[in-house]
Amino acid sequence: EQAPTTQDAYLFRANVNNLLDDAENPKGLAEPYFLKYIEMVKEKGDAEIQKNKSKLIDAYSTIAVVSVKRGEYQKGRDLIGEVLKLDPENAWAKQTLQYLEQESAASTGAASGQ
């Protein structure tokens, strides 16, 4: 297997693997490729990050959704935080983060008997 030499090859593979994954019970097949894409873009600096901002947001968002579906809520929140760093006004990220915080507070309250 030859490794792709461009970041877009990793993004393509991530998107294909995401389609192959189980939507209801995801295994995270796309995550390593999204993470490699993110790493490659970040290594190239701020200009490249700005140029690929929407693709980075999609990558972070997709990994966040899969993480939450797998019960990895803190990881999901962290990834949504990355979306908000790129786009502080991102409505989806703000709403999803608010929902996760409400769910966390509700489960914490239920766990402590409140």
N, C-alpha and C. Protein backbone atom coordinates (compact mmCIF):
# COMPACT_ATOMS: atom_id res chain seq x y z
N GLU A 1 0.85 -1.19 0.00
CA GLU A 1 0.00 0.00 0.00
C GLU A 1 0.88 1.24 0.00
N GLN A 2 0.66 2.10 -0.94
CA GLN A 2 1.42 3.34 -1.01
C GLN A 2 0.70 4.43 -0.23
N ALA A 3 1.46 5.19 0.50
CA ALA A 3 0.87 6.29 1.26
C ALA A 3 0.63 7.47 0.33
N PRO A 4 -0.51 8.13 0.49
CA PRO A 4 -0.75 9.30 -0.34
C PRO A 4 0.23 10.42 0.01
N THR A 5 0.57 11.22 -0.96
CA THR A 5 1.54 12.28 -0.72
C THR A 5 0.88 13.64 -0.55
N THR A 6 -0.41 13.73 -0.80
CA THR A 6 -1.09 15.00 -0.63
C THR A 6 -2.17 14.88 0.43
N GLN A 7 -2.44 16.00 1.07
CA GLN A 7 -3.45 16.00 2.13
C GLN A 7 -4.82 15.64 1.60
N ASP A 8 -5.14 16.03 0.35
CA ASP A 8 -6.47 15.74 -0.18
C ASP A 8 -6.71 14.25 -0.37
N ALA A 9 -5.65 13.49 -0.58
CA ALA A 9 -5.81 12.03 -0.68
C ALA A 9 -6.29 11.46 0.65
N TYR A 10 -5.76 11.99 1.75
CA TYR A 10 -6.23 11.54 3.07
C TYR A 10 -7.67 11.95 3.30
N LEU A 11 -8.02 13.15 2.86
CA LEU A 11 -9.40 13.61 3.02
C LEU A 11 -10.35 12.74 2.22
N PHE A 12 -9.97 12.40 0.99
CA PHE A 12 -10.79 11.53 0.16
C PHE A 12 -10.99 10.17 0.82
N ARG A 13 -9.90 9.60 1.31
CA ARG A 13 -9.99 8.29 1.96
C ARG A 13 -10.84 8.36 3.22
N ALA A 14 -10.71 9.44 3.97
CA ALA A 14 -11.52 9.63 5.17
C ALA A 14 -13.00 9.66 4.81
N ASN A 15 -13.34 10.41 3.77
CA ASN A 15 -14.74 10.51 3.37
C ASN A 15 -15.29 9.17 2.88
N VAL A 16 -14.50 8.43 2.14
CA VAL A 16 -14.93 7.10 1.69
C VAL A 16 -15.13 6.18 2.89
N ASN A 17 -14.17 6.15 3.80
CA ASN A 17 -14.30 5.29 4.98
C ASN A 17 -15.47 5.71 5.85
N ASN A 18 -15.76 7.00 5.90
CA ASN A 18 -16.90 7.47 6.67
C ASN A 18 -18.20 6.92 6.08
N LEU A 19 -18.28 6.87 4.75
CA LEU A 19 -19.46 6.30 4.10
C LEU A 19 -19.58 4.80 4.34
N LEU A 20 -18.45 4.13 4.48
CA LEU A 20 -18.45 2.68 4.71
C LEU A 20 -18.78 2.31 6.15
N ASP A 21 -18.61 3.26 7.06
CA ASP A 21 -18.84 3.00 8.48
C ASP A 21 -20.33 2.89 8.77
N ASP A 22 -20.66 2.22 9.85
CA ASP A 22 -22.04 2.07 10.30
C ASP A 22 -22.50 3.39 10.91
N ALA A 23 -23.55 3.98 10.35
CA ALA A 23 -24.01 5.30 10.80
C ALA A 23 -24.53 5.27 12.24
N GLU A 24 -25.17 4.19 12.64
CA GLU A 24 -25.75 4.11 13.98
C GLU A 24 -24.75 3.67 15.04
N ASN A 25 -23.82 2.82 14.65
CA ASN A 25 -22.83 2.29 15.59
C ASN A 25 -21.44 2.39 14.95
N PRO A 26 -20.95 3.62 14.77
CA PRO A 26 -19.70 3.80 14.02
C PRO A 26 -18.48 3.24 14.74
N LYS A 27 -17.57 2.74 13.93
CA LYS A 27 -16.31 2.21 14.46
C LYS A 27 -15.19 3.23 14.33
N GLY A 28 -15.45 4.35 13.66
CA GLY A 28 -14.42 5.37 13.50
C GLY A 28 -13.45 5.06 12.39
N LEU A 29 -13.92 4.41 11.33
CA LEU A 29 -13.04 4.01 10.23
C LEU A 29 -12.35 5.20 9.56
N ALA A 30 -12.99 6.35 9.58
CA ALA A 30 -12.45 7.52 8.89
C ALA A 30 -11.49 8.33 9.76
N GLU A 31 -11.57 8.17 11.06
CA GLU A 31 -10.83 9.05 11.97
C GLU A 31 -9.33 9.14 11.70
N PRO A 32 -8.61 8.03 11.51
CA PRO A 32 -7.16 8.17 11.30
C PRO A 32 -6.83 9.00 10.05
N TYR A 33 -7.67 8.92 9.03
CA TYR A 33 -7.41 9.65 7.79
C TYR A 33 -7.78 11.13 7.94
N PHE A 34 -8.85 11.42 8.66
CA PHE A 34 -9.17 12.82 8.96
C PHE A 34 -8.05 13.44 9.79
N LEU A 35 -7.56 12.70 10.79
CA LEU A 35 -6.50 13.24 11.65
C LEU A 35 -5.22 13.49 10.87
N LYS A 36 -4.89 12.61 9.94
CA LYS A 36 -3.69 12.81 9.11
C LYS A 36 -3.88 14.03 8.21
N TYR A 37 -5.08 14.18 7.66
CA TYR A 37 -5.37 15.36 6.84
C TYR A 37 -5.18 16.63 7.66
N ILE A 38 -5.77 16.66 8.86
CA ILE A 38 -5.66 17.82 9.74
C ILE A 38 -4.19 18.12 10.04
N GLU A 39 -3.44 17.08 10.37
CA GLU A 39 -2.01 17.24 10.68
C GLU A 39 -1.25 17.85 9.51
N MET A 40 -1.51 17.33 8.30
CA MET A 40 -0.78 17.81 7.13
C MET A 40 -1.11 19.27 6.83
N VAL A 41 -2.37 19.64 6.98
CA VAL A 41 -2.76 21.03 6.73
C VAL A 41 -2.11 21.94 7.76
N LYS A 42 -2.17 21.56 9.03
CA LYS A 42 -1.60 22.39 10.10
C LYS A 42 -0.09 22.57 9.93
N GLU A 43 0.59 21.52 9.48
CA GLU A 43 2.04 21.60 9.29
C GLU A 43 2.43 22.66 8.26
N LYS A 44 1.52 22.95 7.34
CA LYS A 44 1.82 23.91 6.27
C LYS A 44 1.57 25.36 6.69
N GLY A 45 1.00 25.56 7.86
CA GLY A 45 0.87 26.92 8.39
C GLY A 45 -0.49 27.56 8.22
N ASP A 46 -0.57 28.80 8.71
CA ASP A 46 -1.83 29.52 8.78
C ASP A 46 -2.49 29.75 7.43
N ALA A 47 -1.71 30.05 6.41
CA ALA A 47 -2.30 30.30 5.08
C ALA A 47 -3.03 29.05 4.58
N GLU A 48 -2.42 27.90 4.79
CA GLU A 48 -3.04 26.64 4.36
C GLU A 48 -4.27 26.33 5.20
N ILE A 49 -4.21 26.63 6.48
CA ILE A 49 -5.36 26.41 7.37
C ILE A 49 -6.53 27.27 6.89
N GLN A 50 -6.28 28.53 6.59
CA GLN A 50 -7.35 29.41 6.12
C GLN A 50 -7.91 28.94 4.78
N LYS A 51 -7.04 28.49 3.91
CA LYS A 51 -7.45 28.01 2.59
C LYS A 51 -8.35 26.78 2.70
N ASN A 52 -8.11 25.95 3.70
CA ASN A 52 -8.83 24.69 3.87
C ASN A 52 -9.78 24.70 5.06
N LYS A 53 -10.16 25.88 5.50
CA LYS A 53 -10.95 26.00 6.73
C LYS A 53 -12.24 25.17 6.68
N SER A 54 -12.99 25.24 5.60
CA SER A 54 -14.26 24.50 5.55
C SER A 54 -14.02 22.99 5.58
N LYS A 55 -12.95 22.52 4.95
CA LYS A 55 -12.64 21.09 4.98
C LYS A 55 -12.20 20.66 6.38
N LEU A 56 -11.44 21.52 7.05
CA LEU A 56 -11.04 21.22 8.43
C LEU A 56 -12.25 21.16 9.35
N ILE A 57 -13.17 22.10 9.17
CA ILE A 57 -14.39 22.10 9.97
C ILE A 57 -15.17 20.82 9.74
N ASP A 58 -15.29 20.39 8.49
CA ASP A 58 -15.98 19.13 8.19
C ASP A 58 -15.28 17.95 8.85
N ALA A 59 -13.95 17.94 8.80
CA ALA A 59 -13.20 16.83 9.40
C ALA A 59 -13.41 16.78 10.91
N TYR A 60 -13.21 17.92 11.58
CA TYR A 60 -13.42 17.96 13.03
C TYR A 60 -14.86 17.59 13.39
N SER A 61 -15.81 18.11 12.63
CA SER A 61 -17.23 17.85 12.93
C SER A 61 -17.57 16.38 12.79
N THR A 62 -17.06 15.76 11.73
CA THR A 62 -17.35 14.35 11.51
C THR A 62 -16.77 13.48 12.62
N ILE A 63 -15.53 13.75 13.00
CA ILE A 63 -14.92 12.98 14.09
C ILE A 63 -15.68 13.23 15.39
N ALA A 64 -16.13 14.46 15.61
CA ALA A 64 -16.87 14.79 16.83
C ALA A 64 -18.17 14.00 16.91
N VAL A 65 -18.90 13.94 15.81
CA VAL A 65 -20.17 13.20 15.79
C VAL A 65 -19.93 11.73 16.08
N VAL A 66 -18.94 11.15 15.43
CA VAL A 66 -18.63 9.73 15.66
C VAL A 66 -18.22 9.51 17.12
N SER A 67 -17.42 10.41 17.66
CA SER A 67 -16.98 10.28 19.05
C SER A 67 -18.17 10.29 20.00
N VAL A 68 -19.10 11.21 19.79
CA VAL A 68 -20.28 11.30 20.66
C VAL A 68 -21.12 10.04 20.52
N LYS A 69 -21.31 9.55 19.30
CA LYS A 69 -22.08 8.32 19.09
C LYS A 69 -21.43 7.13 19.79
N ARG A 70 -20.11 7.19 19.96
CA ARG A 70 -19.39 6.10 20.63
C ARG A 70 -19.29 6.32 22.14
N GLY A 71 -19.92 7.39 22.63
CA GLY A 71 -19.90 7.67 24.06
C GLY A 71 -18.67 8.42 24.53
N GLU A 72 -17.87 8.91 23.60
CA GLU A 72 -16.65 9.65 23.93
C GLU A 72 -16.98 11.15 23.95
N TYR A 73 -17.75 11.56 24.97
CA TYR A 73 -18.30 12.91 25.01
C TYR A 73 -17.24 13.99 25.15
N GLN A 74 -16.25 13.77 25.98
CA GLN A 74 -15.21 14.80 26.15
C GLN A 74 -14.43 14.99 24.86
N LYS A 75 -14.12 13.90 24.19
CA LYS A 75 -13.42 13.99 22.91
C LYS A 75 -14.28 14.77 21.91
N GLY A 76 -15.57 14.49 21.90
CA GLY A 76 -16.48 15.22 21.02
C GLY A 76 -16.48 16.70 21.32
N ARG A 77 -16.53 17.05 22.61
CA ARG A 77 -16.50 18.46 23.00
C ARG A 77 -15.19 19.12 22.58
N ASP A 78 -14.09 18.42 22.76
CA ASP A 78 -12.78 18.97 22.36
C ASP A 78 -12.72 19.25 20.86
N LEU A 79 -13.25 18.32 20.08
CA LEU A 79 -13.24 18.48 18.62
C LEU A 79 -14.16 19.62 18.19
N ILE A 80 -15.29 19.76 18.86
CA ILE A 80 -16.19 20.88 18.56
C ILE A 80 -15.49 22.19 18.92
N GLY A 81 -14.69 22.16 19.97
CA GLY A 81 -13.89 23.34 20.32
C GLY A 81 -12.95 23.73 19.19
N GLU A 82 -12.40 22.74 18.50
CA GLU A 82 -11.53 23.03 17.35
C GLU A 82 -12.32 23.69 16.22
N VAL A 83 -13.56 23.24 16.02
CA VAL A 83 -14.42 23.87 15.01
C VAL A 83 -14.63 25.34 15.37
N LEU A 84 -14.91 25.59 16.65
CA LEU A 84 -15.17 26.97 17.09
C LEU A 84 -13.92 27.85 17.02
N LYS A 85 -12.73 27.26 17.13
CA LYS A 85 -11.50 28.05 16.94
C LYS A 85 -11.40 28.53 15.49
N LEU A 86 -11.83 27.68 14.57
CA LEU A 86 -11.78 28.03 13.15
C LEU A 86 -12.92 28.96 12.76
N ASP A 87 -14.08 28.75 13.38
CA ASP A 87 -15.28 29.53 13.05
C ASP A 87 -16.08 29.77 14.33
N PRO A 88 -15.75 30.84 15.06
CA PRO A 88 -16.41 31.10 16.35
C PRO A 88 -17.92 31.26 16.26
N GLU A 89 -18.44 31.53 15.08
CA GLU A 89 -19.89 31.71 14.92
C GLU A 89 -20.58 30.48 14.34
N ASN A 90 -19.89 29.36 14.26
CA ASN A 90 -20.47 28.15 13.68
C ASN A 90 -21.68 27.70 14.50
N ALA A 91 -22.86 27.83 13.90
CA ALA A 91 -24.12 27.55 14.61
C ALA A 91 -24.20 26.09 15.04
N TRP A 92 -23.82 25.17 14.15
CA TRP A 92 -23.90 23.75 14.50
C TRP A 92 -23.03 23.45 15.72
N ALA A 93 -21.82 23.96 15.71
CA ALA A 93 -20.89 23.68 16.81
C ALA A 93 -21.41 24.27 18.11
N LYS A 94 -21.91 25.49 18.07
CA LYS A 94 -22.43 26.13 19.28
C LYS A 94 -23.62 25.35 19.84
N GLN A 95 -24.54 24.96 18.96
CA GLN A 95 -25.73 24.21 19.41
C GLN A 95 -25.35 22.84 19.95
N THR A 96 -24.46 22.16 19.26
CA THR A 96 -24.06 20.82 19.68
C THR A 96 -23.32 20.87 21.00
N LEU A 97 -22.44 21.83 21.17
CA LEU A 97 -21.71 21.97 22.43
C LEU A 97 -22.67 22.28 23.57
N GLN A 98 -23.63 23.15 23.32
CA GLN A 98 -24.63 23.47 24.34
C GLN A 98 -25.43 22.22 24.71
N TYR A 99 -25.83 21.44 23.72
CA TYR A 99 -26.57 20.20 23.97
C TYR A 99 -25.74 19.24 24.80
N LEU A 100 -24.47 19.06 24.45
CA LEU A 100 -23.61 18.13 25.19
C LEU A 100 -23.41 18.60 26.63
N GLU A 101 -23.29 19.89 26.83
CA GLU A 101 -23.13 20.41 28.19
C GLU A 101 -24.40 20.21 29.00
N GLN A 102 -25.57 20.38 28.38
CA GLN A 102 -26.84 20.14 29.07
C GLN A 102 -26.98 18.66 29.43
N GLU A 103 -26.63 17.80 28.49
CA GLU A 103 -26.70 16.36 28.74
C GLU A 103 -25.75 15.95 29.86
N SER A 104 -24.57 16.53 29.84
CA SER A 104 -23.58 16.23 30.88
C SER A 104 -24.08 16.69 32.24
N ALA A 105 -24.66 17.89 32.29
CA ALA A 105 -25.19 18.41 33.56
C ALA A 105 -26.35 17.55 34.05
N ALA A 106 -27.21 17.12 33.13
CA ALA A 106 -28.35 16.29 33.50
C ALA A 106 -27.89 14.94 34.03
N SER A 107 -26.90 14.34 33.38
CA SER A 107 -26.43 13.03 33.84
C SER A 107 -25.66 13.16 35.14
N THR A 108 -24.95 14.26 35.32
CA THR A 108 -24.23 14.49 36.58
C THR A 108 -25.22 14.69 37.71
N GLY A 109 -26.27 15.46 37.45
CA GLY A 109 -27.31 15.67 38.45
C GLY A 109 -28.01 14.39 38.81
N ALA A 110 -28.30 13.57 37.81
CA ALA A 110 -28.97 12.29 38.05
C ALA A 110 -28.05 11.35 38.83
N ALA A 111 -26.76 11.39 38.51
CA ALA A 111 -25.81 10.51 39.19
C ALA A 111 -25.64 10.88 40.65
N SER A 112 -25.77 12.19 40.94
CA SER A 112 -25.58 12.61 42.33
C SER A 112 -26.89 12.63 43.11
N GLY A 113 -27.97 12.23 42.45
CA GLY A 113 -29.26 12.13 43.14
C GLY A 113 -30.02 13.43 43.21
N GLN A 114 -29.66 14.40 42.38
CA GLN A 114 -30.36 15.69 42.40
C GLN A 114 -31.54 15.70 41.48
